[in-house]
Amino acid sequence: MSPEPAGAAPFEARLALVCEDAPERQAVIKVALEQVGFAMLAVKNADEAVERMRRDVYELVIIDEQYQGATPLDNPILGALRTMPMAQRRWMFVVLVGRQFKTFDNAMAFARSVNVVVNVNDLPHLPAILKKGITDHVEFYRTFRQALTEAGKR
């Protein structure tokens, strides 16, 4: 087997599950994800997103609050996240993209059971938002994750 070419992606890329309908926003998100070391997996619908989250572990999930015509309060993907076992959910960093809230509004993020909210107008700043948010998330849950690992739960 020949060595991997310089600059080639590793065999298992860090995948981010993306639930966004608008092609123009998908393109912005894809570029942002590439800048922070993730590959984008865009799903076709909410059912596929929920099934993939149940089957696979995603370090990063980005959801438009109105994905597939949902409203912010009845989004099926957010509903599935809320019912996930804490040991599984705490390994994910969930970003909710919306129109009515302020980026990094911690109270809104808590109310929606996500890690960070991003106003759709701030998507051009997504690489910086992801770097800060993911770094904070990893630090916050470091002890919890270590305890899970030591207990053989991860």
N, C-alpha and C. Protein backbone atom coordinates (compact mmCIF):
# COMPACT_ATOMS: atom_id res chain seq x y z
N MET A 1 0.86 -1.18 0.00
CA MET A 1 0.00 0.00 0.00
C MET A 1 0.89 1.23 0.00
N SER A 2 0.60 2.18 -0.85
CA SER A 2 1.43 3.39 -0.92
C SER A 2 1.08 4.35 0.21
N PRO A 3 2.05 5.16 0.62
CA PRO A 3 1.78 6.12 1.69
C PRO A 3 0.74 7.14 1.25
N GLU A 4 0.07 7.69 2.24
CA GLU A 4 -0.96 8.69 1.97
C GLU A 4 -0.30 9.96 1.43
N PRO A 5 -0.85 10.58 0.37
CA PRO A 5 -0.25 11.80 -0.16
C PRO A 5 -0.30 12.92 0.86
N ALA A 6 0.67 13.81 0.76
CA ALA A 6 0.71 14.96 1.67
C ALA A 6 -0.56 15.77 1.52
N GLY A 7 -1.12 16.17 2.65
CA GLY A 7 -2.33 16.99 2.63
C GLY A 7 -3.62 16.19 2.50
N ALA A 8 -3.51 14.87 2.42
CA ALA A 8 -4.72 14.05 2.28
C ALA A 8 -5.48 14.02 3.60
N ALA A 9 -6.78 13.87 3.50
CA ALA A 9 -7.62 13.80 4.69
C ALA A 9 -7.39 12.45 5.37
N PRO A 10 -7.45 12.43 6.70
CA PRO A 10 -7.31 11.15 7.39
C PRO A 10 -8.45 10.22 7.04
N PHE A 11 -8.25 8.92 7.26
CA PHE A 11 -9.25 7.92 6.90
C PHE A 11 -10.61 8.25 7.52
N GLU A 12 -10.62 8.58 8.80
CA GLU A 12 -11.86 8.92 9.47
C GLU A 12 -11.89 10.41 9.73
N ALA A 13 -12.53 11.15 8.86
CA ALA A 13 -12.65 12.59 9.04
C ALA A 13 -13.62 12.88 10.18
N ARG A 14 -13.44 13.99 10.83
CA ARG A 14 -14.38 14.42 11.86
C ARG A 14 -15.62 14.93 11.13
N LEU A 15 -16.73 14.24 11.33
CA LEU A 15 -17.96 14.58 10.62
C LEU A 15 -18.85 15.48 11.46
N ALA A 16 -19.42 16.45 10.79
CA ALA A 16 -20.43 17.31 11.40
C ALA A 16 -21.74 17.06 10.68
N LEU A 17 -22.77 16.76 11.45
CA LEU A 17 -24.10 16.55 10.91
C LEU A 17 -24.75 17.92 10.73
N VAL A 18 -25.19 18.23 9.52
CA VAL A 18 -25.75 19.55 9.23
C VAL A 18 -27.18 19.41 8.72
N CYS A 19 -28.08 20.12 9.40
CA CYS A 19 -29.50 20.14 9.05
C CYS A 19 -29.86 21.55 8.63
N GLU A 20 -29.66 21.84 7.37
CA GLU A 20 -29.89 23.17 6.81
C GLU A 20 -30.47 23.01 5.42
N ASP A 21 -31.60 23.68 5.14
CA ASP A 21 -32.26 23.57 3.84
C ASP A 21 -31.66 24.47 2.76
N ALA A 22 -31.30 25.67 3.13
CA ALA A 22 -30.89 26.68 2.14
C ALA A 22 -29.48 26.38 1.60
N PRO A 23 -29.37 26.19 0.28
CA PRO A 23 -28.06 25.88 -0.31
C PRO A 23 -27.01 26.96 -0.04
N GLU A 24 -27.41 28.21 -0.02
CA GLU A 24 -26.43 29.28 0.22
C GLU A 24 -25.88 29.22 1.65
N ARG A 25 -26.72 28.88 2.62
CA ARG A 25 -26.24 28.74 4.00
C ARG A 25 -25.44 27.45 4.16
N GLN A 26 -25.85 26.40 3.46
CA GLN A 26 -25.08 25.15 3.48
C GLN A 26 -23.65 25.40 2.99
N ALA A 27 -23.52 26.19 1.94
CA ALA A 27 -22.19 26.48 1.39
C ALA A 27 -21.33 27.23 2.41
N VAL A 28 -21.90 28.21 3.10
CA VAL A 28 -21.17 28.97 4.12
C VAL A 28 -20.77 28.05 5.27
N ILE A 29 -21.69 27.19 5.68
CA ILE A 29 -21.41 26.25 6.77
C ILE A 29 -20.31 25.27 6.37
N LYS A 30 -20.36 24.77 5.14
CA LYS A 30 -19.36 23.82 4.67
C LYS A 30 -17.96 24.42 4.72
N VAL A 31 -17.82 25.64 4.25
CA VAL A 31 -16.52 26.32 4.27
C VAL A 31 -16.04 26.52 5.71
N ALA A 32 -16.95 26.94 6.58
CA ALA A 32 -16.60 27.15 7.99
C ALA A 32 -16.14 25.84 8.63
N LEU A 33 -16.85 24.76 8.36
CA LEU A 33 -16.48 23.46 8.93
C LEU A 33 -15.11 23.01 8.45
N GLU A 34 -14.84 23.20 7.18
CA GLU A 34 -13.54 22.82 6.65
C GLU A 34 -12.43 23.61 7.33
N GLN A 35 -12.69 24.88 7.65
CA GLN A 35 -11.69 25.72 8.30
C GLN A 35 -11.37 25.25 9.71
N VAL A 36 -12.31 24.57 10.36
CA VAL A 36 -12.06 24.09 11.73
C VAL A 36 -11.85 22.58 11.79
N GLY A 37 -11.66 21.94 10.63
CA GLY A 37 -11.28 20.53 10.61
C GLY A 37 -12.39 19.51 10.58
N PHE A 38 -13.55 19.89 10.08
CA PHE A 38 -14.68 18.97 9.98
C PHE A 38 -15.10 18.80 8.53
N ALA A 39 -15.68 17.65 8.24
CA ALA A 39 -16.32 17.41 6.96
C ALA A 39 -17.82 17.48 7.19
N MET A 40 -18.54 18.04 6.25
CA MET A 40 -19.99 18.21 6.41
C MET A 40 -20.75 17.02 5.87
N LEU A 41 -21.69 16.54 6.67
CA LEU A 41 -22.64 15.53 6.22
C LEU A 41 -24.01 16.19 6.29
N ALA A 42 -24.53 16.56 5.12
CA ALA A 42 -25.86 17.18 5.05
C ALA A 42 -26.89 16.08 4.86
N VAL A 43 -27.90 16.08 5.71
CA VAL A 43 -28.94 15.06 5.63
C VAL A 43 -30.10 15.56 4.77
N LYS A 44 -30.91 14.61 4.27
CA LYS A 44 -32.02 14.95 3.37
C LYS A 44 -33.25 15.43 4.12
N ASN A 45 -33.44 14.91 5.35
CA ASN A 45 -34.65 15.27 6.10
C ASN A 45 -34.42 15.00 7.59
N ALA A 46 -35.40 15.41 8.39
CA ALA A 46 -35.29 15.27 9.84
C ALA A 46 -35.25 13.81 10.27
N ASP A 47 -36.00 12.95 9.60
CA ASP A 47 -35.99 11.52 9.96
C ASP A 47 -34.59 10.93 9.80
N GLU A 48 -33.92 11.28 8.70
CA GLU A 48 -32.56 10.78 8.48
C GLU A 48 -31.62 11.33 9.55
N ALA A 49 -31.79 12.60 9.91
CA ALA A 49 -30.94 13.20 10.95
C ALA A 49 -31.10 12.47 12.28
N VAL A 50 -32.34 12.23 12.67
CA VAL A 50 -32.61 11.55 13.95
C VAL A 50 -32.04 10.14 13.92
N GLU A 51 -32.24 9.43 12.82
CA GLU A 51 -31.72 8.06 12.70
C GLU A 51 -30.19 8.05 12.78
N ARG A 52 -29.54 8.97 12.10
CA ARG A 52 -28.08 9.03 12.13
C ARG A 52 -27.57 9.35 13.53
N MET A 53 -28.25 10.25 14.25
CA MET A 53 -27.82 10.59 15.61
C MET A 53 -28.01 9.41 16.56
N ARG A 54 -29.01 8.60 16.33
CA ARG A 54 -29.22 7.41 17.17
C ARG A 54 -28.18 6.34 16.89
N ARG A 55 -27.77 6.23 15.62
CA ARG A 55 -26.87 5.18 15.19
C ARG A 55 -25.39 5.55 15.36
N ASP A 56 -25.05 6.81 15.09
CA ASP A 56 -23.65 7.24 15.08
C ASP A 56 -23.44 8.38 16.08
N VAL A 57 -22.20 8.58 16.46
CA VAL A 57 -21.86 9.68 17.35
C VAL A 57 -21.26 10.81 16.52
N TYR A 58 -21.82 11.98 16.66
CA TYR A 58 -21.31 13.16 15.96
C TYR A 58 -20.78 14.13 17.00
N GLU A 59 -19.57 14.58 16.79
CA GLU A 59 -18.96 15.55 17.69
C GLU A 59 -19.63 16.92 17.52
N LEU A 60 -20.12 17.20 16.32
CA LEU A 60 -20.71 18.49 16.01
C LEU A 60 -22.00 18.30 15.21
N VAL A 61 -23.06 18.99 15.65
CA VAL A 61 -24.34 18.96 14.96
C VAL A 61 -24.78 20.41 14.80
N ILE A 62 -25.14 20.79 13.57
CA ILE A 62 -25.63 22.14 13.29
C ILE A 62 -27.04 22.01 12.75
N ILE A 63 -27.97 22.72 13.39
CA ILE A 63 -29.39 22.60 13.04
C ILE A 63 -29.97 23.99 12.80
N ASP A 64 -30.66 24.16 11.68
CA ASP A 64 -31.46 25.35 11.47
C ASP A 64 -32.77 25.12 12.20
N GLU A 65 -33.17 26.07 13.03
CA GLU A 65 -34.38 25.88 13.84
C GLU A 65 -35.62 25.65 12.98
N GLN A 66 -35.60 26.08 11.72
CA GLN A 66 -36.74 25.91 10.83
C GLN A 66 -36.50 24.84 9.76
N TYR A 67 -35.56 23.94 10.04
CA TYR A 67 -35.22 22.87 9.09
C TYR A 67 -36.46 22.06 8.71
N GLN A 68 -36.64 21.87 7.42
CA GLN A 68 -37.75 21.09 6.87
C GLN A 68 -39.11 21.62 7.32
N GLY A 69 -39.23 22.94 7.48
CA GLY A 69 -40.50 23.57 7.81
C GLY A 69 -40.89 23.50 9.27
N ALA A 70 -39.99 23.05 10.13
CA ALA A 70 -40.30 22.99 11.56
C ALA A 70 -40.36 24.39 12.15
N THR A 71 -40.98 24.49 13.29
CA THR A 71 -40.94 25.75 14.03
C THR A 71 -39.90 25.57 15.13
N PRO A 72 -39.44 26.65 15.70
CA PRO A 72 -38.41 26.53 16.74
C PRO A 72 -38.83 25.65 17.92
N LEU A 73 -40.12 25.54 18.19
CA LEU A 73 -40.56 24.77 19.35
C LEU A 73 -40.95 23.33 19.04
N ASP A 74 -41.13 22.99 17.74
CA ASP A 74 -41.49 21.60 17.42
C ASP A 74 -40.49 20.92 16.50
N ASN A 75 -39.27 21.39 16.51
CA ASN A 75 -38.24 20.81 15.66
C ASN A 75 -37.95 19.38 16.12
N PRO A 76 -38.18 18.37 15.26
CA PRO A 76 -38.02 16.97 15.67
C PRO A 76 -36.58 16.60 16.02
N ILE A 77 -35.63 17.27 15.42
CA ILE A 77 -34.22 16.97 15.72
C ILE A 77 -33.88 17.45 17.13
N LEU A 78 -34.34 18.64 17.48
CA LEU A 78 -34.13 19.13 18.84
C LEU A 78 -34.84 18.24 19.86
N GLY A 79 -36.02 17.76 19.49
CA GLY A 79 -36.75 16.85 20.37
C GLY A 79 -35.97 15.56 20.60
N ALA A 80 -35.37 15.03 19.56
CA ALA A 80 -34.57 13.80 19.70
C ALA A 80 -33.34 14.05 20.57
N LEU A 81 -32.73 15.21 20.43
CA LEU A 81 -31.57 15.54 21.26
C LEU A 81 -31.95 15.61 22.74
N ARG A 82 -33.13 16.17 23.02
CA ARG A 82 -33.56 16.31 24.42
C ARG A 82 -33.79 14.95 25.08
N THR A 83 -34.13 13.93 24.31
CA THR A 83 -34.40 12.61 24.90
C THR A 83 -33.17 11.70 24.92
N MET A 84 -32.07 12.17 24.38
CA MET A 84 -30.85 11.38 24.33
C MET A 84 -30.27 11.21 25.74
N PRO A 85 -29.70 10.05 26.04
CA PRO A 85 -29.04 9.89 27.34
C PRO A 85 -27.91 10.92 27.51
N MET A 86 -27.78 11.44 28.71
CA MET A 86 -26.79 12.48 28.96
C MET A 86 -25.38 12.02 28.60
N ALA A 87 -25.06 10.77 28.88
CA ALA A 87 -23.72 10.27 28.58
C ALA A 87 -23.41 10.35 27.08
N GLN A 88 -24.42 10.23 26.25
CA GLN A 88 -24.23 10.34 24.79
C GLN A 88 -24.27 11.80 24.35
N ARG A 89 -25.22 12.55 24.88
CA ARG A 89 -25.42 13.93 24.45
C ARG A 89 -24.24 14.83 24.79
N ARG A 90 -23.58 14.59 25.91
CA ARG A 90 -22.49 15.47 26.34
C ARG A 90 -21.25 15.36 25.49
N TRP A 91 -21.20 14.37 24.60
CA TRP A 91 -20.07 14.27 23.67
C TRP A 91 -20.31 15.10 22.42
N MET A 92 -21.52 15.61 22.25
CA MET A 92 -21.88 16.41 21.06
C MET A 92 -21.82 17.89 21.38
N PHE A 93 -21.45 18.65 20.37
CA PHE A 93 -21.56 20.10 20.45
C PHE A 93 -22.64 20.48 19.44
N VAL A 94 -23.75 21.04 19.93
CA VAL A 94 -24.91 21.32 19.09
C VAL A 94 -25.06 22.82 18.90
N VAL A 95 -25.14 23.21 17.63
CA VAL A 95 -25.31 24.61 17.24
C VAL A 95 -26.71 24.77 16.66
N LEU A 96 -27.45 25.75 17.15
CA LEU A 96 -28.78 26.04 16.62
C LEU A 96 -28.72 27.38 15.90
N VAL A 97 -29.04 27.35 14.61
CA VAL A 97 -29.04 28.56 13.79
C VAL A 97 -30.47 29.08 13.72
N GLY A 98 -30.63 30.36 14.01
CA GLY A 98 -31.98 30.93 14.00
C GLY A 98 -31.98 32.39 13.59
N ARG A 99 -33.16 32.92 13.55
CA ARG A 99 -33.35 34.28 13.07
C ARG A 99 -33.67 35.28 14.18
N GLN A 100 -34.19 34.79 15.30
CA GLN A 100 -34.72 35.68 16.33
C GLN A 100 -33.84 35.86 17.56
N PHE A 101 -32.72 35.16 17.63
CA PHE A 101 -31.91 35.30 18.83
C PHE A 101 -30.52 35.82 18.52
N LYS A 102 -29.86 36.22 19.58
CA LYS A 102 -28.52 36.80 19.50
C LYS A 102 -27.48 35.67 19.62
N THR A 103 -26.46 35.72 18.79
CA THR A 103 -25.39 34.73 18.85
C THR A 103 -24.75 34.72 20.23
N PHE A 104 -24.49 33.52 20.72
CA PHE A 104 -23.91 33.28 22.06
C PHE A 104 -24.84 33.68 23.19
N ASP A 105 -26.14 33.71 22.96
CA ASP A 105 -27.10 33.98 24.03
C ASP A 105 -27.23 32.68 24.84
N ASN A 106 -26.55 32.64 25.99
CA ASN A 106 -26.51 31.42 26.79
C ASN A 106 -27.87 31.01 27.33
N ALA A 107 -28.70 31.98 27.68
CA ALA A 107 -30.04 31.65 28.19
C ALA A 107 -30.89 30.99 27.10
N MET A 108 -30.80 31.48 25.88
CA MET A 108 -31.55 30.88 24.77
C MET A 108 -30.99 29.49 24.44
N ALA A 109 -29.67 29.35 24.48
CA ALA A 109 -29.07 28.04 24.22
C ALA A 109 -29.56 27.03 25.26
N PHE A 110 -29.59 27.43 26.51
CA PHE A 110 -30.08 26.56 27.57
C PHE A 110 -31.55 26.20 27.35
N ALA A 111 -32.35 27.20 27.01
CA ALA A 111 -33.79 26.98 26.79
C ALA A 111 -34.05 26.02 25.62
N ARG A 112 -33.19 26.02 24.64
CA ARG A 112 -33.35 25.15 23.46
C ARG A 112 -32.57 23.85 23.57
N SER A 113 -31.89 23.64 24.70
CA SER A 113 -31.09 22.42 24.94
C SER A 113 -29.98 22.23 23.92
N VAL A 114 -29.31 23.33 23.58
CA VAL A 114 -28.17 23.28 22.67
C VAL A 114 -26.98 23.93 23.35
N ASN A 115 -25.82 23.85 22.71
CA ASN A 115 -24.62 24.43 23.30
C ASN A 115 -24.44 25.89 22.94
N VAL A 116 -24.83 26.25 21.74
CA VAL A 116 -24.69 27.64 21.32
C VAL A 116 -25.76 27.96 20.27
N VAL A 117 -26.25 29.19 20.33
CA VAL A 117 -27.16 29.66 19.30
C VAL A 117 -26.41 30.67 18.43
N VAL A 118 -26.72 30.66 17.14
CA VAL A 118 -26.07 31.54 16.18
C VAL A 118 -27.14 32.20 15.34
N ASN A 119 -27.13 33.52 15.32
CA ASN A 119 -28.05 34.23 14.44
C ASN A 119 -27.62 33.98 13.00
N VAL A 120 -28.58 33.77 12.14
CA VAL A 120 -28.29 33.45 10.74
C VAL A 120 -27.41 34.53 10.09
N ASN A 121 -27.52 35.76 10.54
CA ASN A 121 -26.70 36.85 9.99
C ASN A 121 -25.23 36.75 10.41
N ASP A 122 -24.94 35.93 11.42
CA ASP A 122 -23.56 35.76 11.90
C ASP A 122 -22.87 34.54 11.31
N LEU A 123 -23.50 33.85 10.37
CA LEU A 123 -22.88 32.67 9.76
C LEU A 123 -21.51 32.97 9.13
N PRO A 124 -21.27 34.16 8.58
CA PRO A 124 -19.91 34.42 8.06
C PRO A 124 -18.83 34.33 9.15
N HIS A 125 -19.22 34.45 10.41
CA HIS A 125 -18.28 34.37 11.53
C HIS A 125 -18.26 32.97 12.16
N LEU A 126 -18.87 31.99 11.51
CA LEU A 126 -19.02 30.66 12.08
C LEU A 126 -17.70 29.99 12.46
N PRO A 127 -16.62 30.12 11.69
CA PRO A 127 -15.37 29.47 12.13
C PRO A 127 -14.93 29.94 13.53
N ALA A 128 -14.96 31.22 13.77
CA ALA A 128 -14.56 31.74 15.09
C ALA A 128 -15.54 31.31 16.17
N ILE A 129 -16.83 31.31 15.84
CA ILE A 129 -17.86 30.89 16.80
C ILE A 129 -17.64 29.43 17.18
N LEU A 130 -17.38 28.57 16.19
CA LEU A 130 -17.16 27.16 16.45
C LEU A 130 -15.89 26.93 17.28
N LYS A 131 -14.82 27.61 16.94
CA LYS A 131 -13.57 27.44 17.69
C LYS A 131 -13.77 27.79 19.16
N LYS A 132 -14.39 28.91 19.43
CA LYS A 132 -14.62 29.33 20.82
C LYS A 132 -15.59 28.38 21.51
N GLY A 133 -16.70 28.10 20.86
CA GLY A 133 -17.72 27.26 21.47
C GLY A 133 -17.24 25.85 21.77
N ILE A 134 -16.57 25.23 20.82
CA ILE A 134 -16.09 23.86 21.01
C ILE A 134 -15.01 23.81 22.08
N THR A 135 -14.11 24.78 22.08
CA THR A 135 -13.07 24.84 23.12
C THR A 135 -13.70 24.96 24.50
N ASP A 136 -14.66 25.85 24.66
CA ASP A 136 -15.35 26.02 25.95
C ASP A 136 -16.08 24.74 26.35
N HIS A 137 -16.73 24.09 25.39
CA HIS A 137 -17.48 22.86 25.64
C HIS A 137 -16.56 21.74 26.13
N VAL A 138 -15.44 21.55 25.46
CA VAL A 138 -14.49 20.50 25.82
C VAL A 138 -13.94 20.75 27.22
N GLU A 139 -13.59 21.98 27.52
CA GLU A 139 -13.08 22.31 28.85
C GLU A 139 -14.14 22.08 29.93
N PHE A 140 -15.36 22.50 29.67
CA PHE A 140 -16.44 22.39 30.64
C PHE A 140 -16.73 20.92 31.00
N TYR A 141 -16.71 20.04 29.99
CA TYR A 141 -17.06 18.64 30.21
C TYR A 141 -15.84 17.72 30.36
N ARG A 142 -14.66 18.28 30.50
CA ARG A 142 -13.44 17.47 30.60
C ARG A 142 -13.54 16.44 31.74
N THR A 143 -13.88 16.86 32.93
CA THR A 143 -13.95 15.96 34.08
C THR A 143 -15.06 14.93 33.89
N PHE A 144 -16.20 15.36 33.40
CA PHE A 144 -17.31 14.44 33.15
C PHE A 144 -16.90 13.36 32.15
N ARG A 145 -16.24 13.76 31.07
CA ARG A 145 -15.81 12.80 30.06
C ARG A 145 -14.77 11.84 30.61
N GLN A 146 -13.85 12.35 31.43
CA GLN A 146 -12.85 11.47 32.03
C GLN A 146 -13.52 10.43 32.92
N ALA A 147 -14.51 10.86 33.69
CA ALA A 147 -15.22 9.93 34.58
C ALA A 147 -15.94 8.85 33.76
N LEU A 148 -16.56 9.24 32.66
CA LEU A 148 -17.23 8.26 31.79
C LEU A 148 -16.23 7.26 31.21
N THR A 149 -15.09 7.77 30.78
CA THR A 149 -14.07 6.91 30.21
C THR A 149 -13.55 5.93 31.26
N GLU A 150 -13.27 6.44 32.45
CA GLU A 150 -12.75 5.58 33.52
C GLU A 150 -13.78 4.53 33.95
N ALA A 151 -15.06 4.86 33.84
CA ALA A 151 -16.13 3.92 34.21
C ALA A 151 -16.45 2.94 33.09
N GLY A 152 -15.73 3.08 31.96
CA GLY A 152 -15.95 2.18 30.84
C GLY A 152 -17.19 2.48 30.03
N LYS A 153 -17.72 3.70 30.16
CA LYS A 153 -18.95 4.08 29.45
C LYS A 153 -18.64 4.79 28.14
N ARG A 154 -17.36 4.95 27.83
CA ARG A 154 -16.97 5.62 26.58
C ARG A 154 -15.60 5.19 26.19
